[in-house]
């Protein structure tokens, strides 16, 4: 993939992200769970957009997930971990923000892992 193609891919994802964020917003009862994935790591943040604060976060950089890679299995484990943290904070439902990524593969595994922990979308 050339540099021009790579920058075009990033631009298109940014446009999708802006389009989706027009209609998705989180509040105290139903915060927004957003996903970011790099080539090496996965990140999840649960954000209350009304106050602009992060309620729960998780990533594959943490000690508990040090051996987890940015794969479908790793996404499922990270989703379960964040789901457990949400349960500890008495949060049962979230709004899922896929952050411009297609809903398949790792992003779908993160959502399924969170659902497995008992969180509703």
C-alpha atoms as a PDB file:
ATOM      1  CA  UNK A   1       0.000   0.000   0.000  1.00  0.00           C
ATOM      2  CA  UNK A   2       1.463   3.309  -1.019  1.00  0.00           C
ATOM      3  CA  UNK A   3       1.553   6.398   1.166  1.00  0.00           C
ATOM      4  CA  UNK A   4      -1.189   8.032  -0.880  1.00  0.00           C
ATOM      5  CA  UNK A   5      -3.481   5.005  -0.487  1.00  0.00           C
ATOM      6  CA  UNK A   6      -2.784   4.836   3.255  1.00  0.00           C
ATOM      7  CA  UNK A   7      -3.602   8.510   3.800  1.00  0.00           C
ATOM      8  CA  UNK A   8      -6.798   8.119   1.769  1.00  0.00           C
ATOM      9  CA  UNK A   9      -7.818   5.157   3.935  1.00  0.00           C
ATOM     10  CA  UNK A  10      -7.272   7.217   7.103  1.00  0.00           C
ATOM     11  CA  UNK A  11      -9.235  10.151   5.627  1.00  0.00           C
ATOM     12  CA  UNK A  12     -12.201   7.907   4.782  1.00  0.00           C
ATOM     13  CA  UNK A  13     -12.243   6.424   8.292  1.00  0.00           C
ATOM     14  CA  UNK A  14     -12.223   9.958   9.721  1.00  0.00           C
ATOM     15  CA  UNK A  15     -15.221  10.891   7.577  1.00  0.00           C
ATOM     16  CA  UNK A  16     -17.119   7.791   8.762  1.00  0.00           C
ATOM     17  CA  UNK A  17     -16.209   8.626  12.349  1.00  0.00           C
ATOM     18  CA  UNK A  18     -17.593  12.167  12.069  1.00  0.00           C
ATOM     19  CA  UNK A  19     -20.774  10.893  10.397  1.00  0.00           C
ATOM     20  CA  UNK A  20     -21.429   8.350  13.159  1.00  0.00           C
ATOM     21  CA  UNK A  21     -20.573  10.737  16.011  1.00  0.00           C
ATOM     22  CA  UNK A  22     -23.301  13.144  14.857  1.00  0.00           C
ATOM     23  CA  UNK A  23     -25.921  10.722  16.137  1.00  0.00           C
ATOM     24  CA  UNK A  24     -24.113   8.871  18.970  1.00  0.00           C
ATOM     25  CA  UNK A  25     -23.641  10.492  22.352  1.00  0.00           C
ATOM     26  CA  UNK A  26     -23.175   9.075  25.834  1.00  0.00           C
ATOM     27  CA  UNK A  27     -24.602  10.235  29.152  1.00  0.00           C
ATOM     28  CA  UNK A  28     -24.371   9.122  32.777  1.00  0.00           C
ATOM     29  CA  UNK A  29     -27.030   6.390  32.439  1.00  0.00           C
ATOM     30  CA  UNK A  30     -25.810   5.136  29.060  1.00  0.00           C
ATOM     31  CA  UNK A  31     -22.196   6.121  28.351  1.00  0.00           C
ATOM     32  CA  UNK A  32     -20.431   5.753  24.995  1.00  0.00           C
ATOM     33  CA  UNK A  33     -17.998   2.862  24.583  1.00  0.00           C
ATOM     34  CA  UNK A  34     -15.432   3.710  21.923  1.00  0.00           C
ATOM     35  CA  UNK A  35     -12.851   1.421  20.327  1.00  0.00           C
ATOM     36  CA  UNK A  36      -9.442   2.246  18.877  1.00  0.00           C
ATOM     37  CA  UNK A  37      -7.145  -0.291  17.306  1.00  0.00           C
ATOM     38  CA  UNK A  38      -3.572   0.085  16.175  1.00  0.00           C
ATOM     39  CA  UNK A  39      -1.404  -2.542  14.533  1.00  0.00           C
ATOM     40  CA  UNK A  40      -0.068  -3.713  17.918  1.00  0.00           C
ATOM     41  CA  UNK A  41      -2.637  -2.772  20.568  1.00  0.00           C
ATOM     42  CA  UNK A  42      -6.363  -2.398  21.237  1.00  0.00           C
ATOM     43  CA  UNK A  43      -7.940   0.324  23.376  1.00  0.00           C
ATOM     44  CA  UNK A  44     -11.448   0.815  24.805  1.00  0.00           C
ATOM     45  CA  UNK A  45     -12.793   3.861  26.617  1.00  0.00           C
ATOM     46  CA  UNK A  46     -16.219   4.314  28.164  1.00  0.00           C
ATOM     47  CA  UNK A  47     -16.997   8.034  28.139  1.00  0.00           C
ATOM     48  CA  UNK A  48     -19.715  10.227  29.650  1.00  0.00           C
ATOM     49  CA  UNK A  49     -20.026  12.922  26.972  1.00  0.00           C
ATOM     50  CA  UNK A  50     -22.114  15.201  29.203  1.00  0.00           C
ATOM     51  CA  UNK A  51     -19.215  15.730  31.608  1.00  0.00           C
ATOM     52  CA  UNK A  52     -16.417  14.785  29.216  1.00  0.00           C
ATOM     53  CA  UNK A  53     -14.979  12.213  31.600  1.00  0.00           C
ATOM     54  CA  UNK A  54     -13.718   8.677  31.066  1.00  0.00           C
ATOM     55  CA  UNK A  55     -15.548   6.249  33.342  1.00  0.00           C
ATOM     56  CA  UNK A  56     -13.765   2.996  32.443  1.00  0.00           C
ATOM     57  CA  UNK A  57     -10.882   2.159  30.154  1.00  0.00           C
ATOM     58  CA  UNK A  58      -8.881  -0.850  29.108  1.00  0.00           C
ATOM     59  CA  UNK A  59      -6.140  -1.739  26.684  1.00  0.00           C
ATOM     60  CA  UNK A  60      -3.870  -4.584  25.726  1.00  0.00           C
ATOM     61  CA  UNK A  61      -0.979  -2.590  27.229  1.00  0.00           C
ATOM     62  CA  UNK A  62      -2.121  -3.450  30.774  1.00  0.00           C
ATOM     63  CA  UNK A  63      -0.289  -6.011  32.898  1.00  0.00           C
ATOM     64  CA  UNK A  64      -3.364  -8.264  33.062  1.00  0.00           C
ATOM     65  CA  UNK A  65      -3.452  -8.470  29.249  1.00  0.00           C
ATOM     66  CA  UNK A  66       0.277  -8.288  28.528  1.00  0.00           C
ATOM     67  CA  UNK A  67       0.276 -11.565  26.536  1.00  0.00           C
ATOM     68  CA  UNK A  68      -2.829 -10.629  24.494  1.00  0.00           C
ATOM     69  CA  UNK A  69      -2.306  -9.596  20.872  1.00  0.00           C
ATOM     70  CA  UNK A  70      -4.463  -7.328  18.688  1.00  0.00           C
ATOM     71  CA  UNK A  71      -6.453 -10.267  17.292  1.00  0.00           C
ATOM     72  CA  UNK A  72     -10.059 -11.431  17.452  1.00  0.00           C
ATOM     73  CA  UNK A  73      -9.311 -13.538  20.556  1.00  0.00           C
ATOM     74  CA  UNK A  74      -7.526 -10.595  22.168  1.00  0.00           C
ATOM     75  CA  UNK A  75     -10.466  -8.312  21.396  1.00  0.00           C
ATOM     76  CA  UNK A  76     -12.871 -10.748  23.060  1.00  0.00           C
ATOM     77  CA  UNK A  77     -10.707 -10.902  26.211  1.00  0.00           C
ATOM     78  CA  UNK A  78     -10.402  -7.113  26.340  1.00  0.00           C
ATOM     79  CA  UNK A  79     -14.180  -6.741  25.870  1.00  0.00           C
ATOM     80  CA  UNK A  80     -14.848  -9.116  28.763  1.00  0.00           C
ATOM     81  CA  UNK A  81     -12.406  -7.238  31.012  1.00  0.00           C
ATOM     82  CA  UNK A  82     -14.035  -3.879  30.259  1.00  0.00           C
ATOM     83  CA  UNK A  83     -17.484  -5.456  30.742  1.00  0.00           C
ATOM     84  CA  UNK A  84     -16.474  -6.651  34.211  1.00  0.00           C
ATOM     85  CA  UNK A  85     -15.196  -3.174  35.078  1.00  0.00           C
ATOM     86  CA  UNK A  86     -18.494  -1.672  33.928  1.00  0.00           C
ATOM     87  CA  UNK A  87     -20.413  -4.118  36.142  1.00  0.00           C
ATOM     88  CA  UNK A  88     -18.261  -3.046  39.110  1.00  0.00           C
ATOM     89  CA  UNK A  89     -19.309   0.562  38.449  1.00  0.00           C
ATOM     90  CA  UNK A  90     -23.004  -0.494  38.154  1.00  0.00           C
ATOM     91  CA  UNK A  91     -23.258   0.392  34.463  1.00  0.00           C
ATOM     92  CA  UNK A  92     -25.476  -2.067  32.585  1.00  0.00           C
ATOM     93  CA  UNK A  93     -25.964  -0.454  29.174  1.00  0.00           C
ATOM     94  CA  UNK A  94     -23.679   1.478  26.832  1.00  0.00           C
ATOM     95  CA  UNK A  95     -23.795   3.032  23.379  1.00  0.00           C
ATOM     96  CA  UNK A  96     -21.265   1.315  21.110  1.00  0.00           C
ATOM     97  CA  UNK A  97     -19.077   3.659  19.034  1.00  0.00           C
ATOM     98  CA  UNK A  98     -17.094   1.638  16.495  1.00  0.00           C
ATOM     99  CA  UNK A  99     -15.030   4.763  15.729  1.00  0.00           C
ATOM    100  CA  UNK A 100     -15.298   4.492  11.944  1.00  0.00           C
ATOM    101  CA  UNK A 101     -14.196   0.859  11.766  1.00  0.00           C
ATOM    102  CA  UNK A 102     -16.311  -1.819  10.082  1.00  0.00           C
ATOM    103  CA  UNK A 103     -18.329  -3.940  12.491  1.00  0.00           C
ATOM    104  CA  UNK A 104     -16.542  -7.223  11.884  1.00  0.00           C
ATOM    105  CA  UNK A 105     -13.453  -9.037  13.089  1.00  0.00           C
ATOM    106  CA  UNK A 106     -11.814  -7.433  16.110  1.00  0.00           C
ATOM    107  CA  UNK A 107     -14.478  -4.756  16.623  1.00  0.00           C
ATOM    108  CA  UNK A 108     -17.241  -7.379  16.620  1.00  0.00           C
ATOM    109  CA  UNK A 109     -15.216  -9.565  19.016  1.00  0.00           C
ATOM    110  CA  UNK A 110     -14.879  -6.642  21.446  1.00  0.00           C
ATOM    111  CA  UNK A 111     -18.649  -6.076  21.359  1.00  0.00           C
ATOM    112  CA  UNK A 112     -19.383  -9.789  21.803  1.00  0.00           C
ATOM    113  CA  UNK A 113     -16.936 -10.034  24.724  1.00  0.00           C
ATOM    114  CA  UNK A 114     -18.613  -7.094  26.421  1.00  0.00           C
ATOM    115  CA  UNK A 115     -22.032  -8.670  25.890  1.00  0.00           C
ATOM    116  CA  UNK A 116     -20.708 -11.928  27.355  1.00  0.00           C
ATOM    117  CA  UNK A 117     -19.879  -9.984  30.542  1.00  0.00           C
ATOM    118  CA  UNK A 118     -23.540  -8.902  30.755  1.00  0.00           C
ATOM    119  CA  UNK A 119     -23.467  -5.410  29.263  1.00  0.00           C
ATOM    120  CA  UNK A 120     -26.259  -4.406  26.872  1.00  0.00           C
ATOM    121  CA  UNK A 121     -25.957  -2.207  23.788  1.00  0.00           C
END
